[in-house]
PDBML (XML) file of the C-alpha atoms, coordinates in Angstrom:
<?xml version="1.0" encoding="UTF-8" ?>
<PDBx:datablock datablockName="MODEL"
   xmlns:PDBx="http://pdbml.pdb.org/schema/pdbx-v50.xsd"
   xmlns:xsi="http://www.w3.org/2001/XMLSchema-instance"
   xsi:schemaLocation="http://pdbml.pdb.org/schema/pdbx-v50.xsd pdbx-v50.xsd">
   <PDBx:atom_siteCategory>
      <PDBx:atom_site id="1">
         <PDBx:B_iso_or_equiv>0.00</PDBx:B_iso_or_equiv>
         <PDBx:Cartn_x>-3.202</PDBx:Cartn_x>
         <PDBx:Cartn_y>7.699</PDBx:Cartn_y>
         <PDBx:Cartn_z>-4.504</PDBx:Cartn_z>
         <PDBx:auth_asym_id>A</PDBx:auth_asym_id>
         <PDBx:auth_atom_id>CA</PDBx:auth_atom_id>
         <PDBx:auth_comp_id>LEU</PDBx:auth_comp_id>
         <PDBx:auth_seq_id>1</PDBx:auth_seq_id>
         <PDBx:group_PDB>ATOM</PDBx:group_PDB>
         <PDBx:label_alt_id xsi:nil="true" />
         <PDBx:label_asym_id>A</PDBx:label_asym_id>
         <PDBx:label_atom_id>CA</PDBx:label_atom_id>
         <PDBx:label_comp_id>LEU</PDBx:label_comp_id>
         <PDBx:label_entity_id>1</PDBx:label_entity_id>
         <PDBx:label_seq_id>1</PDBx:label_seq_id>
         <PDBx:occupancy>1.00</PDBx:occupancy>
         <PDBx:pdbx_PDB_model_num>1</PDBx:pdbx_PDB_model_num>
         <PDBx:type_symbol>C</PDBx:type_symbol>
      </PDBx:atom_site>
      <PDBx:atom_site id="2">
         <PDBx:B_iso_or_equiv>0.00</PDBx:B_iso_or_equiv>
         <PDBx:Cartn_x>0.187</PDBx:Cartn_x>
         <PDBx:Cartn_y>8.241</PDBx:Cartn_y>
         <PDBx:Cartn_z>-5.735</PDBx:Cartn_z>
         <PDBx:auth_asym_id>A</PDBx:auth_asym_id>
         <PDBx:auth_atom_id>CA</PDBx:auth_atom_id>
         <PDBx:auth_comp_id>PRO</PDBx:auth_comp_id>
         <PDBx:auth_seq_id>2</PDBx:auth_seq_id>
         <PDBx:group_PDB>ATOM</PDBx:group_PDB>
         <PDBx:label_alt_id xsi:nil="true" />
         <PDBx:label_asym_id>A</PDBx:label_asym_id>
         <PDBx:label_atom_id>CA</PDBx:label_atom_id>
         <PDBx:label_comp_id>PRO</PDBx:label_comp_id>
         <PDBx:label_entity_id>1</PDBx:label_entity_id>
         <PDBx:label_seq_id>2</PDBx:label_seq_id>
         <PDBx:occupancy>1.00</PDBx:occupancy>
         <PDBx:pdbx_PDB_model_num>1</PDBx:pdbx_PDB_model_num>
         <PDBx:type_symbol>C</PDBx:type_symbol>
      </PDBx:atom_site>
      <PDBx:atom_site id="3">
         <PDBx:B_iso_or_equiv>0.00</PDBx:B_iso_or_equiv>
         <PDBx:Cartn_x>1.323</PDBx:Cartn_x>
         <PDBx:Cartn_y>7.153</PDBx:Cartn_y>
         <PDBx:Cartn_z>-2.499</PDBx:Cartn_z>
         <PDBx:auth_asym_id>A</PDBx:auth_asym_id>
         <PDBx:auth_atom_id>CA</PDBx:auth_atom_id>
         <PDBx:auth_comp_id>ILE</PDBx:auth_comp_id>
         <PDBx:auth_seq_id>3</PDBx:auth_seq_id>
         <PDBx:group_PDB>ATOM</PDBx:group_PDB>
         <PDBx:label_alt_id xsi:nil="true" />
         <PDBx:label_asym_id>A</PDBx:label_asym_id>
         <PDBx:label_atom_id>CA</PDBx:label_atom_id>
         <PDBx:label_comp_id>ILE</PDBx:label_comp_id>
         <PDBx:label_entity_id>1</PDBx:label_entity_id>
         <PDBx:label_seq_id>3</PDBx:label_seq_id>
         <PDBx:occupancy>1.00</PDBx:occupancy>
         <PDBx:pdbx_PDB_model_num>1</PDBx:pdbx_PDB_model_num>
         <PDBx:type_symbol>C</PDBx:type_symbol>
      </PDBx:atom_site>
      <PDBx:atom_site id="4">
         <PDBx:B_iso_or_equiv>0.00</PDBx:B_iso_or_equiv>
         <PDBx:Cartn_x>-1.150</PDBx:Cartn_x>
         <PDBx:Cartn_y>3.967</PDBx:Cartn_y>
         <PDBx:Cartn_z>-2.722</PDBx:Cartn_z>
         <PDBx:auth_asym_id>A</PDBx:auth_asym_id>
         <PDBx:auth_atom_id>CA</PDBx:auth_atom_id>
         <PDBx:auth_comp_id>VAL</PDBx:auth_comp_id>
         <PDBx:auth_seq_id>4</PDBx:auth_seq_id>
         <PDBx:group_PDB>ATOM</PDBx:group_PDB>
         <PDBx:label_alt_id xsi:nil="true" />
         <PDBx:label_asym_id>A</PDBx:label_asym_id>
         <PDBx:label_atom_id>CA</PDBx:label_atom_id>
         <PDBx:label_comp_id>VAL</PDBx:label_comp_id>
         <PDBx:label_entity_id>1</PDBx:label_entity_id>
         <PDBx:label_seq_id>4</PDBx:label_seq_id>
         <PDBx:occupancy>1.00</PDBx:occupancy>
         <PDBx:pdbx_PDB_model_num>1</PDBx:pdbx_PDB_model_num>
         <PDBx:type_symbol>C</PDBx:type_symbol>
      </PDBx:atom_site>
      <PDBx:atom_site id="5">
         <PDBx:B_iso_or_equiv>0.00</PDBx:B_iso_or_equiv>
         <PDBx:Cartn_x>0.284</PDBx:Cartn_x>
         <PDBx:Cartn_y>2.700</PDBx:Cartn_y>
         <PDBx:Cartn_z>-6.401</PDBx:Cartn_z>
         <PDBx:auth_asym_id>A</PDBx:auth_asym_id>
         <PDBx:auth_atom_id>CA</PDBx:auth_atom_id>
         <PDBx:auth_comp_id>ARG</PDBx:auth_comp_id>
         <PDBx:auth_seq_id>5</PDBx:auth_seq_id>
         <PDBx:group_PDB>ATOM</PDBx:group_PDB>
         <PDBx:label_alt_id xsi:nil="true" />
         <PDBx:label_asym_id>A</PDBx:label_asym_id>
         <PDBx:label_atom_id>CA</PDBx:label_atom_id>
         <PDBx:label_comp_id>ARG</PDBx:label_comp_id>
         <PDBx:label_entity_id>1</PDBx:label_entity_id>
         <PDBx:label_seq_id>5</PDBx:label_seq_id>
         <PDBx:occupancy>1.00</PDBx:occupancy>
         <PDBx:pdbx_PDB_model_num>1</PDBx:pdbx_PDB_model_num>
         <PDBx:type_symbol>C</PDBx:type_symbol>
      </PDBx:atom_site>
      <PDBx:atom_site id="6">
         <PDBx:B_iso_or_equiv>0.00</PDBx:B_iso_or_equiv>
         <PDBx:Cartn_x>3.880</PDBx:Cartn_x>
         <PDBx:Cartn_y>3.244</PDBx:Cartn_y>
         <PDBx:Cartn_z>-4.304</PDBx:Cartn_z>
         <PDBx:auth_asym_id>A</PDBx:auth_asym_id>
         <PDBx:auth_atom_id>CA</PDBx:auth_atom_id>
         <PDBx:auth_comp_id>GLN</PDBx:auth_comp_id>
         <PDBx:auth_seq_id>6</PDBx:auth_seq_id>
         <PDBx:group_PDB>ATOM</PDBx:group_PDB>
         <PDBx:label_alt_id xsi:nil="true" />
         <PDBx:label_asym_id>A</PDBx:label_asym_id>
         <PDBx:label_atom_id>CA</PDBx:label_atom_id>
         <PDBx:label_comp_id>GLN</PDBx:label_comp_id>
         <PDBx:label_entity_id>1</PDBx:label_entity_id>
         <PDBx:label_seq_id>6</PDBx:label_seq_id>
         <PDBx:occupancy>1.00</PDBx:occupancy>
         <PDBx:pdbx_PDB_model_num>1</PDBx:pdbx_PDB_model_num>
         <PDBx:type_symbol>C</PDBx:type_symbol>
      </PDBx:atom_site>
      <PDBx:atom_site id="7">
         <PDBx:B_iso_or_equiv>0.00</PDBx:B_iso_or_equiv>
         <PDBx:Cartn_x>3.056</PDBx:Cartn_x>
         <PDBx:Cartn_y>1.085</PDBx:Cartn_y>
         <PDBx:Cartn_z>-1.961</PDBx:Cartn_z>
         <PDBx:auth_asym_id>A</PDBx:auth_asym_id>
         <PDBx:auth_atom_id>CA</PDBx:auth_atom_id>
         <PDBx:auth_comp_id>ILE</PDBx:auth_comp_id>
         <PDBx:auth_seq_id>7</PDBx:auth_seq_id>
         <PDBx:group_PDB>ATOM</PDBx:group_PDB>
         <PDBx:label_alt_id xsi:nil="true" />
         <PDBx:label_asym_id>A</PDBx:label_asym_id>
         <PDBx:label_atom_id>CA</PDBx:label_atom_id>
         <PDBx:label_comp_id>ILE</PDBx:label_comp_id>
         <PDBx:label_entity_id>1</PDBx:label_entity_id>
         <PDBx:label_seq_id>7</PDBx:label_seq_id>
         <PDBx:occupancy>1.00</PDBx:occupancy>
         <PDBx:pdbx_PDB_model_num>1</PDBx:pdbx_PDB_model_num>
         <PDBx:type_symbol>C</PDBx:type_symbol>
      </PDBx:atom_site>
      <PDBx:atom_site id="8">
         <PDBx:B_iso_or_equiv>0.00</PDBx:B_iso_or_equiv>
         <PDBx:Cartn_x>1.178</PDBx:Cartn_x>
         <PDBx:Cartn_y>-1.574</PDBx:Cartn_y>
         <PDBx:Cartn_z>-4.888</PDBx:Cartn_z>
         <PDBx:auth_asym_id>A</PDBx:auth_asym_id>
         <PDBx:auth_atom_id>CA</PDBx:auth_atom_id>
         <PDBx:auth_comp_id>GLU</PDBx:auth_comp_id>
         <PDBx:auth_seq_id>8</PDBx:auth_seq_id>
         <PDBx:group_PDB>ATOM</PDBx:group_PDB>
         <PDBx:label_alt_id xsi:nil="true" />
         <PDBx:label_asym_id>A</PDBx:label_asym_id>
         <PDBx:label_atom_id>CA</PDBx:label_atom_id>
         <PDBx:label_comp_id>GLU</PDBx:label_comp_id>
         <PDBx:label_entity_id>1</PDBx:label_entity_id>
         <PDBx:label_seq_id>8</PDBx:label_seq_id>
         <PDBx:occupancy>1.00</PDBx:occupancy>
         <PDBx:pdbx_PDB_model_num>1</PDBx:pdbx_PDB_model_num>
         <PDBx:type_symbol>C</PDBx:type_symbol>
      </PDBx:atom_site>
      <PDBx:atom_site id="9">
         <PDBx:B_iso_or_equiv>0.00</PDBx:B_iso_or_equiv>
         <PDBx:Cartn_x>4.651</PDBx:Cartn_x>
         <PDBx:Cartn_y>-1.413</PDBx:Cartn_y>
         <PDBx:Cartn_z>-7.043</PDBx:Cartn_z>
         <PDBx:auth_asym_id>A</PDBx:auth_asym_id>
         <PDBx:auth_atom_id>CA</PDBx:auth_atom_id>
         <PDBx:auth_comp_id>ALA</PDBx:auth_comp_id>
         <PDBx:auth_seq_id>9</PDBx:auth_seq_id>
         <PDBx:group_PDB>ATOM</PDBx:group_PDB>
         <PDBx:label_alt_id xsi:nil="true" />
         <PDBx:label_asym_id>A</PDBx:label_asym_id>
         <PDBx:label_atom_id>CA</PDBx:label_atom_id>
         <PDBx:label_comp_id>ALA</PDBx:label_comp_id>
         <PDBx:label_entity_id>1</PDBx:label_entity_id>
         <PDBx:label_seq_id>9</PDBx:label_seq_id>
         <PDBx:occupancy>1.00</PDBx:occupancy>
         <PDBx:pdbx_PDB_model_num>1</PDBx:pdbx_PDB_model_num>
         <PDBx:type_symbol>C</PDBx:type_symbol>
      </PDBx:atom_site>
      <PDBx:atom_site id="10">
         <PDBx:B_iso_or_equiv>0.00</PDBx:B_iso_or_equiv>
         <PDBx:Cartn_x>6.363</PDBx:Cartn_x>
         <PDBx:Cartn_y>-2.302</PDBx:Cartn_y>
         <PDBx:Cartn_z>-3.772</PDBx:Cartn_z>
         <PDBx:auth_asym_id>A</PDBx:auth_asym_id>
         <PDBx:auth_atom_id>CA</PDBx:auth_atom_id>
         <PDBx:auth_comp_id>ALA</PDBx:auth_comp_id>
         <PDBx:auth_seq_id>10</PDBx:auth_seq_id>
         <PDBx:group_PDB>ATOM</PDBx:group_PDB>
         <PDBx:label_alt_id xsi:nil="true" />
         <PDBx:label_asym_id>A</PDBx:label_asym_id>
         <PDBx:label_atom_id>CA</PDBx:label_atom_id>
         <PDBx:label_comp_id>ALA</PDBx:label_comp_id>
         <PDBx:label_entity_id>1</PDBx:label_entity_id>
         <PDBx:label_seq_id>10</PDBx:label_seq_id>
         <PDBx:occupancy>1.00</PDBx:occupancy>
         <PDBx:pdbx_PDB_model_num>1</PDBx:pdbx_PDB_model_num>
         <PDBx:type_symbol>C</PDBx:type_symbol>
      </PDBx:atom_site>
      <PDBx:atom_site id="11">
         <PDBx:B_iso_or_equiv>0.00</PDBx:B_iso_or_equiv>
         <PDBx:Cartn_x>4.403</PDBx:Cartn_x>
         <PDBx:Cartn_y>-5.544</PDBx:Cartn_y>
         <PDBx:Cartn_z>-3.659</PDBx:Cartn_z>
         <PDBx:auth_asym_id>A</PDBx:auth_asym_id>
         <PDBx:auth_atom_id>CA</PDBx:auth_atom_id>
         <PDBx:auth_comp_id>GLY</PDBx:auth_comp_id>
         <PDBx:auth_seq_id>11</PDBx:auth_seq_id>
         <PDBx:group_PDB>ATOM</PDBx:group_PDB>
         <PDBx:label_alt_id xsi:nil="true" />
         <PDBx:label_asym_id>A</PDBx:label_asym_id>
         <PDBx:label_atom_id>CA</PDBx:label_atom_id>
         <PDBx:label_comp_id>GLY</PDBx:label_comp_id>
         <PDBx:label_entity_id>1</PDBx:label_entity_id>
         <PDBx:label_seq_id>11</PDBx:label_seq_id>
         <PDBx:occupancy>1.00</PDBx:occupancy>
         <PDBx:pdbx_PDB_model_num>1</PDBx:pdbx_PDB_model_num>
         <PDBx:type_symbol>C</PDBx:type_symbol>
      </PDBx:atom_site>
      <PDBx:atom_site id="12">
         <PDBx:B_iso_or_equiv>0.00</PDBx:B_iso_or_equiv>
         <PDBx:Cartn_x>1.098</PDBx:Cartn_x>
         <PDBx:Cartn_y>-4.934</PDBx:Cartn_y>
         <PDBx:Cartn_z>-1.692</PDBx:Cartn_z>
         <PDBx:auth_asym_id>A</PDBx:auth_asym_id>
         <PDBx:auth_atom_id>CA</PDBx:auth_atom_id>
         <PDBx:auth_comp_id>ALA</PDBx:auth_comp_id>
         <PDBx:auth_seq_id>12</PDBx:auth_seq_id>
         <PDBx:group_PDB>ATOM</PDBx:group_PDB>
         <PDBx:label_alt_id xsi:nil="true" />
         <PDBx:label_asym_id>A</PDBx:label_asym_id>
         <PDBx:label_atom_id>CA</PDBx:label_atom_id>
         <PDBx:label_comp_id>ALA</PDBx:label_comp_id>
         <PDBx:label_entity_id>1</PDBx:label_entity_id>
         <PDBx:label_seq_id>12</PDBx:label_seq_id>
         <PDBx:occupancy>1.00</PDBx:occupancy>
         <PDBx:pdbx_PDB_model_num>1</PDBx:pdbx_PDB_model_num>
         <PDBx:type_symbol>C</PDBx:type_symbol>
      </PDBx:atom_site>
      <PDBx:atom_site id="13">
         <PDBx:B_iso_or_equiv>0.00</PDBx:B_iso_or_equiv>
         <PDBx:Cartn_x>-1.871</PDBx:Cartn_x>
         <PDBx:Cartn_y>-6.435</PDBx:Cartn_y>
         <PDBx:Cartn_z>-4.200</PDBx:Cartn_z>
         <PDBx:auth_asym_id>A</PDBx:auth_asym_id>
         <PDBx:auth_atom_id>CA</PDBx:auth_atom_id>
         <PDBx:auth_comp_id>THR</PDBx:auth_comp_id>
         <PDBx:auth_seq_id>13</PDBx:auth_seq_id>
         <PDBx:group_PDB>ATOM</PDBx:group_PDB>
         <PDBx:label_alt_id xsi:nil="true" />
         <PDBx:label_asym_id>A</PDBx:label_asym_id>
         <PDBx:label_atom_id>CA</PDBx:label_atom_id>
         <PDBx:label_comp_id>THR</PDBx:label_comp_id>
         <PDBx:label_entity_id>1</PDBx:label_entity_id>
         <PDBx:label_seq_id>13</PDBx:label_seq_id>
         <PDBx:occupancy>1.00</PDBx:occupancy>
         <PDBx:pdbx_PDB_model_num>1</PDBx:pdbx_PDB_model_num>
         <PDBx:type_symbol>C</PDBx:type_symbol>
      </PDBx:atom_site>
      <PDBx:atom_site id="14">
         <PDBx:B_iso_or_equiv>0.00</PDBx:B_iso_or_equiv>
         <PDBx:Cartn_x>-4.363</PDBx:Cartn_x>
         <PDBx:Cartn_y>-6.125</PDBx:Cartn_y>
         <PDBx:Cartn_z>-1.513</PDBx:Cartn_z>
         <PDBx:auth_asym_id>A</PDBx:auth_asym_id>
         <PDBx:auth_atom_id>CA</PDBx:auth_atom_id>
         <PDBx:auth_comp_id>THR</PDBx:auth_comp_id>
         <PDBx:auth_seq_id>14</PDBx:auth_seq_id>
         <PDBx:group_PDB>ATOM</PDBx:group_PDB>
         <PDBx:label_alt_id xsi:nil="true" />
         <PDBx:label_asym_id>A</PDBx:label_asym_id>
         <PDBx:label_atom_id>CA</PDBx:label_atom_id>
         <PDBx:label_comp_id>THR</PDBx:label_comp_id>
         <PDBx:label_entity_id>1</PDBx:label_entity_id>
         <PDBx:label_seq_id>14</PDBx:label_seq_id>
         <PDBx:occupancy>1.00</PDBx:occupancy>
         <PDBx:pdbx_PDB_model_num>1</PDBx:pdbx_PDB_model_num>
         <PDBx:type_symbol>C</PDBx:type_symbol>
      </PDBx:atom_site>
      <PDBx:atom_site id="15">
         <PDBx:B_iso_or_equiv>0.00</PDBx:B_iso_or_equiv>
         <PDBx:Cartn_x>-6.693</PDBx:Cartn_x>
         <PDBx:Cartn_y>-3.960</PDBx:Cartn_y>
         <PDBx:Cartn_z>0.206</PDBx:Cartn_z>
         <PDBx:auth_asym_id>A</PDBx:auth_asym_id>
         <PDBx:auth_atom_id>CA</PDBx:auth_atom_id>
         <PDBx:auth_comp_id>HIS</PDBx:auth_comp_id>
         <PDBx:auth_seq_id>15</PDBx:auth_seq_id>
         <PDBx:group_PDB>ATOM</PDBx:group_PDB>
         <PDBx:label_alt_id xsi:nil="true" />
         <PDBx:label_asym_id>A</PDBx:label_asym_id>
         <PDBx:label_atom_id>CA</PDBx:label_atom_id>
         <PDBx:label_comp_id>HIS</PDBx:label_comp_id>
         <PDBx:label_entity_id>1</PDBx:label_entity_id>
         <PDBx:label_seq_id>15</PDBx:label_seq_id>
         <PDBx:occupancy>1.00</PDBx:occupancy>
         <PDBx:pdbx_PDB_model_num>1</PDBx:pdbx_PDB_model_num>
         <PDBx:type_symbol>C</PDBx:type_symbol>
      </PDBx:atom_site>
      <PDBx:atom_site id="16">
         <PDBx:B_iso_or_equiv>0.00</PDBx:B_iso_or_equiv>
         <PDBx:Cartn_x>-5.545</PDBx:Cartn_x>
         <PDBx:Cartn_y>-4.986</PDBx:Cartn_y>
         <PDBx:Cartn_z>3.359</PDBx:Cartn_z>
         <PDBx:auth_asym_id>A</PDBx:auth_asym_id>
         <PDBx:auth_atom_id>CA</PDBx:auth_atom_id>
         <PDBx:auth_comp_id>ARG</PDBx:auth_comp_id>
         <PDBx:auth_seq_id>16</PDBx:auth_seq_id>
         <PDBx:group_PDB>ATOM</PDBx:group_PDB>
         <PDBx:label_alt_id xsi:nil="true" />
         <PDBx:label_asym_id>A</PDBx:label_asym_id>
         <PDBx:label_atom_id>CA</PDBx:label_atom_id>
         <PDBx:label_comp_id>ARG</PDBx:label_comp_id>
         <PDBx:label_entity_id>1</PDBx:label_entity_id>
         <PDBx:label_seq_id>16</PDBx:label_seq_id>
         <PDBx:occupancy>1.00</PDBx:occupancy>
         <PDBx:pdbx_PDB_model_num>1</PDBx:pdbx_PDB_model_num>
         <PDBx:type_symbol>C</PDBx:type_symbol>
      </PDBx:atom_site>
      <PDBx:atom_site id="17">
         <PDBx:B_iso_or_equiv>0.00</PDBx:B_iso_or_equiv>
         <PDBx:Cartn_x>-1.746</PDBx:Cartn_x>
         <PDBx:Cartn_y>-5.366</PDBx:Cartn_y>
         <PDBx:Cartn_z>2.656</PDBx:Cartn_z>
         <PDBx:auth_asym_id>A</PDBx:auth_asym_id>
         <PDBx:auth_atom_id>CA</PDBx:auth_atom_id>
         <PDBx:auth_comp_id>ALA</PDBx:auth_comp_id>
         <PDBx:auth_seq_id>17</PDBx:auth_seq_id>
         <PDBx:group_PDB>ATOM</PDBx:group_PDB>
         <PDBx:label_alt_id xsi:nil="true" />
         <PDBx:label_asym_id>A</PDBx:label_asym_id>
         <PDBx:label_atom_id>CA</PDBx:label_atom_id>
         <PDBx:label_comp_id>ALA</PDBx:label_comp_id>
         <PDBx:label_entity_id>1</PDBx:label_entity_id>
         <PDBx:label_seq_id>17</PDBx:label_seq_id>
         <PDBx:occupancy>1.00</PDBx:occupancy>
         <PDBx:pdbx_PDB_model_num>1</PDBx:pdbx_PDB_model_num>
         <PDBx:type_symbol>C</PDBx:type_symbol>
      </PDBx:atom_site>
      <PDBx:atom_site id="18">
         <PDBx:B_iso_or_equiv>0.00</PDBx:B_iso_or_equiv>
         <PDBx:Cartn_x>-2.377</PDBx:Cartn_x>
         <PDBx:Cartn_y>-1.451</PDBx:Cartn_y>
         <PDBx:Cartn_z>1.363</PDBx:Cartn_z>
         <PDBx:auth_asym_id>A</PDBx:auth_asym_id>
         <PDBx:auth_atom_id>CA</PDBx:auth_atom_id>
         <PDBx:auth_comp_id>ILE</PDBx:auth_comp_id>
         <PDBx:auth_seq_id>18</PDBx:auth_seq_id>
         <PDBx:group_PDB>ATOM</PDBx:group_PDB>
         <PDBx:label_alt_id xsi:nil="true" />
         <PDBx:label_asym_id>A</PDBx:label_asym_id>
         <PDBx:label_atom_id>CA</PDBx:label_atom_id>
         <PDBx:label_comp_id>ILE</PDBx:label_comp_id>
         <PDBx:label_entity_id>1</PDBx:label_entity_id>
         <PDBx:label_seq_id>18</PDBx:label_seq_id>
         <PDBx:occupancy>1.00</PDBx:occupancy>
         <PDBx:pdbx_PDB_model_num>1</PDBx:pdbx_PDB_model_num>
         <PDBx:type_symbol>C</PDBx:type_symbol>
      </PDBx:atom_site>
      <PDBx:atom_site id="19">
         <PDBx:B_iso_or_equiv>0.00</PDBx:B_iso_or_equiv>
         <PDBx:Cartn_x>-3.791</PDBx:Cartn_x>
         <PDBx:Cartn_y>-0.813</PDBx:Cartn_y>
         <PDBx:Cartn_z>4.722</PDBx:Cartn_z>
         <PDBx:auth_asym_id>A</PDBx:auth_asym_id>
         <PDBx:auth_atom_id>CA</PDBx:auth_atom_id>
         <PDBx:auth_comp_id>ALA</PDBx:auth_comp_id>
         <PDBx:auth_seq_id>19</PDBx:auth_seq_id>
         <PDBx:group_PDB>ATOM</PDBx:group_PDB>
         <PDBx:label_alt_id xsi:nil="true" />
         <PDBx:label_asym_id>A</PDBx:label_asym_id>
         <PDBx:label_atom_id>CA</PDBx:label_atom_id>
         <PDBx:label_comp_id>ALA</PDBx:label_comp_id>
         <PDBx:label_entity_id>1</PDBx:label_entity_id>
         <PDBx:label_seq_id>19</PDBx:label_seq_id>
         <PDBx:occupancy>1.00</PDBx:occupancy>
         <PDBx:pdbx_PDB_model_num>1</PDBx:pdbx_PDB_model_num>
         <PDBx:type_symbol>C</PDBx:type_symbol>
      </PDBx:atom_site>
      <PDBx:atom_site id="20">
         <PDBx:B_iso_or_equiv>0.00</PDBx:B_iso_or_equiv>
         <PDBx:Cartn_x>-1.534</PDBx:Cartn_x>
         <PDBx:Cartn_y>-1.851</PDBx:Cartn_y>
         <PDBx:Cartn_z>6.923</PDBx:Cartn_z>
         <PDBx:auth_asym_id>A</PDBx:auth_asym_id>
         <PDBx:auth_atom_id>CA</PDBx:auth_atom_id>
         <PDBx:auth_comp_id>ALA</PDBx:auth_comp_id>
         <PDBx:auth_seq_id>20</PDBx:auth_seq_id>
         <PDBx:group_PDB>ATOM</PDBx:group_PDB>
         <PDBx:label_alt_id xsi:nil="true" />
         <PDBx:label_asym_id>A</PDBx:label_asym_id>
         <PDBx:label_atom_id>CA</PDBx:label_atom_id>
         <PDBx:label_comp_id>ALA</PDBx:label_comp_id>
         <PDBx:label_entity_id>1</PDBx:label_entity_id>
         <PDBx:label_seq_id>20</PDBx:label_seq_id>
         <PDBx:occupancy>1.00</PDBx:occupancy>
         <PDBx:pdbx_PDB_model_num>1</PDBx:pdbx_PDB_model_num>
         <PDBx:type_symbol>C</PDBx:type_symbol>
      </PDBx:atom_site>
      <PDBx:atom_site id="21">
         <PDBx:B_iso_or_equiv>0.00</PDBx:B_iso_or_equiv>
         <PDBx:Cartn_x>1.548</PDBx:Cartn_x>
         <PDBx:Cartn_y>-0.034</PDBx:Cartn_y>
         <PDBx:Cartn_z>4.710</PDBx:Cartn_z>
         <PDBx:auth_asym_id>A</PDBx:auth_asym_id>
         <PDBx:auth_atom_id>CA</PDBx:auth_atom_id>
         <PDBx:auth_comp_id>ALA</PDBx:auth_comp_id>
         <PDBx:auth_seq_id>21</PDBx:auth_seq_id>
         <PDBx:group_PDB>ATOM</PDBx:group_PDB>
         <PDBx:label_alt_id xsi:nil="true" />
         <PDBx:label_asym_id>A</PDBx:label_asym_id>
         <PDBx:label_atom_id>CA</PDBx:label_atom_id>
         <PDBx:label_comp_id>ALA</PDBx:label_comp_id>
         <PDBx:label_entity_id>1</PDBx:label_entity_id>
         <PDBx:label_seq_id>21</PDBx:label_seq_id>
         <PDBx:occupancy>1.00</PDBx:occupancy>
         <PDBx:pdbx_PDB_model_num>1</PDBx:pdbx_PDB_model_num>
         <PDBx:type_symbol>C</PDBx:type_symbol>
      </PDBx:atom_site>
      <PDBx:atom_site id="22">
         <PDBx:B_iso_or_equiv>0.00</PDBx:B_iso_or_equiv>
         <PDBx:Cartn_x>-0.574</PDBx:Cartn_x>
         <PDBx:Cartn_y>3.034</PDBx:Cartn_y>
         <PDBx:Cartn_z>5.160</PDBx:Cartn_z>
         <PDBx:auth_asym_id>A</PDBx:auth_asym_id>
         <PDBx:auth_atom_id>CA</PDBx:auth_atom_id>
         <PDBx:auth_comp_id>LEU</PDBx:auth_comp_id>
         <PDBx:auth_seq_id>22</PDBx:auth_seq_id>
         <PDBx:group_PDB>ATOM</PDBx:group_PDB>
         <PDBx:label_alt_id xsi:nil="true" />
         <PDBx:label_asym_id>A</PDBx:label_asym_id>
         <PDBx:label_atom_id>CA</PDBx:label_atom_id>
         <PDBx:label_comp_id>LEU</PDBx:label_comp_id>
         <PDBx:label_entity_id>1</PDBx:label_entity_id>
         <PDBx:label_seq_id>22</PDBx:label_seq_id>
         <PDBx:occupancy>1.00</PDBx:occupancy>
         <PDBx:pdbx_PDB_model_num>1</PDBx:pdbx_PDB_model_num>
         <PDBx:type_symbol>C</PDBx:type_symbol>
      </PDBx:atom_site>
      <PDBx:atom_site id="23">
         <PDBx:B_iso_or_equiv>0.00</PDBx:B_iso_or_equiv>
         <PDBx:Cartn_x>-0.880</PDBx:Cartn_x>
         <PDBx:Cartn_y>3.058</PDBx:Cartn_y>
         <PDBx:Cartn_z>8.981</PDBx:Cartn_z>
         <PDBx:auth_asym_id>A</PDBx:auth_asym_id>
         <PDBx:auth_atom_id>CA</PDBx:auth_atom_id>
         <PDBx:auth_comp_id>ASN</PDBx:auth_comp_id>
         <PDBx:auth_seq_id>23</PDBx:auth_seq_id>
         <PDBx:group_PDB>ATOM</PDBx:group_PDB>
         <PDBx:label_alt_id xsi:nil="true" />
         <PDBx:label_asym_id>A</PDBx:label_asym_id>
         <PDBx:label_atom_id>CA</PDBx:label_atom_id>
         <PDBx:label_comp_id>ASN</PDBx:label_comp_id>
         <PDBx:label_entity_id>1</PDBx:label_entity_id>
         <PDBx:label_seq_id>23</PDBx:label_seq_id>
         <PDBx:occupancy>1.00</PDBx:occupancy>
         <PDBx:pdbx_PDB_model_num>1</PDBx:pdbx_PDB_model_num>
         <PDBx:type_symbol>C</PDBx:type_symbol>
      </PDBx:atom_site>
      <PDBx:atom_site id="24">
         <PDBx:B_iso_or_equiv>0.00</PDBx:B_iso_or_equiv>
         <PDBx:Cartn_x>2.382</PDBx:Cartn_x>
         <PDBx:Cartn_y>1.700</PDBx:Cartn_y>
         <PDBx:Cartn_z>9.223</PDBx:Cartn_z>
         <PDBx:auth_asym_id>A</PDBx:auth_asym_id>
         <PDBx:auth_atom_id>CA</PDBx:auth_atom_id>
         <PDBx:auth_comp_id>ALA</PDBx:auth_comp_id>
         <PDBx:auth_seq_id>24</PDBx:auth_seq_id>
         <PDBx:group_PDB>ATOM</PDBx:group_PDB>
         <PDBx:label_alt_id xsi:nil="true" />
         <PDBx:label_asym_id>A</PDBx:label_asym_id>
         <PDBx:label_atom_id>CA</PDBx:label_atom_id>
         <PDBx:label_comp_id>ALA</PDBx:label_comp_id>
         <PDBx:label_entity_id>1</PDBx:label_entity_id>
         <PDBx:label_seq_id>24</PDBx:label_seq_id>
         <PDBx:occupancy>1.00</PDBx:occupancy>
         <PDBx:pdbx_PDB_model_num>1</PDBx:pdbx_PDB_model_num>
         <PDBx:type_symbol>C</PDBx:type_symbol>
      </PDBx:atom_site>
      <PDBx:atom_site id="25">
         <PDBx:B_iso_or_equiv>0.00</PDBx:B_iso_or_equiv>
         <PDBx:Cartn_x>3.374</PDBx:Cartn_x>
         <PDBx:Cartn_y>4.907</PDBx:Cartn_y>
         <PDBx:Cartn_z>7.590</PDBx:Cartn_z>
         <PDBx:auth_asym_id>A</PDBx:auth_asym_id>
         <PDBx:auth_atom_id>CA</PDBx:auth_atom_id>
         <PDBx:auth_comp_id>ARG</PDBx:auth_comp_id>
         <PDBx:auth_seq_id>25</PDBx:auth_seq_id>
         <PDBx:group_PDB>ATOM</PDBx:group_PDB>
         <PDBx:label_alt_id xsi:nil="true" />
         <PDBx:label_asym_id>A</PDBx:label_asym_id>
         <PDBx:label_atom_id>CA</PDBx:label_atom_id>
         <PDBx:label_comp_id>ARG</PDBx:label_comp_id>
         <PDBx:label_entity_id>1</PDBx:label_entity_id>
         <PDBx:label_seq_id>25</PDBx:label_seq_id>
         <PDBx:occupancy>1.00</PDBx:occupancy>
         <PDBx:pdbx_PDB_model_num>1</PDBx:pdbx_PDB_model_num>
         <PDBx:type_symbol>C</PDBx:type_symbol>
      </PDBx:atom_site>
   </PDBx:atom_siteCategory>
</PDBx:datablock>
């Protein structure tokens, strides 16, 4: 959850964008 919150704070607002960020990491 802290990583997801960090991704959201960086501007990812949709579940798809968060998924892409997690995969990219």
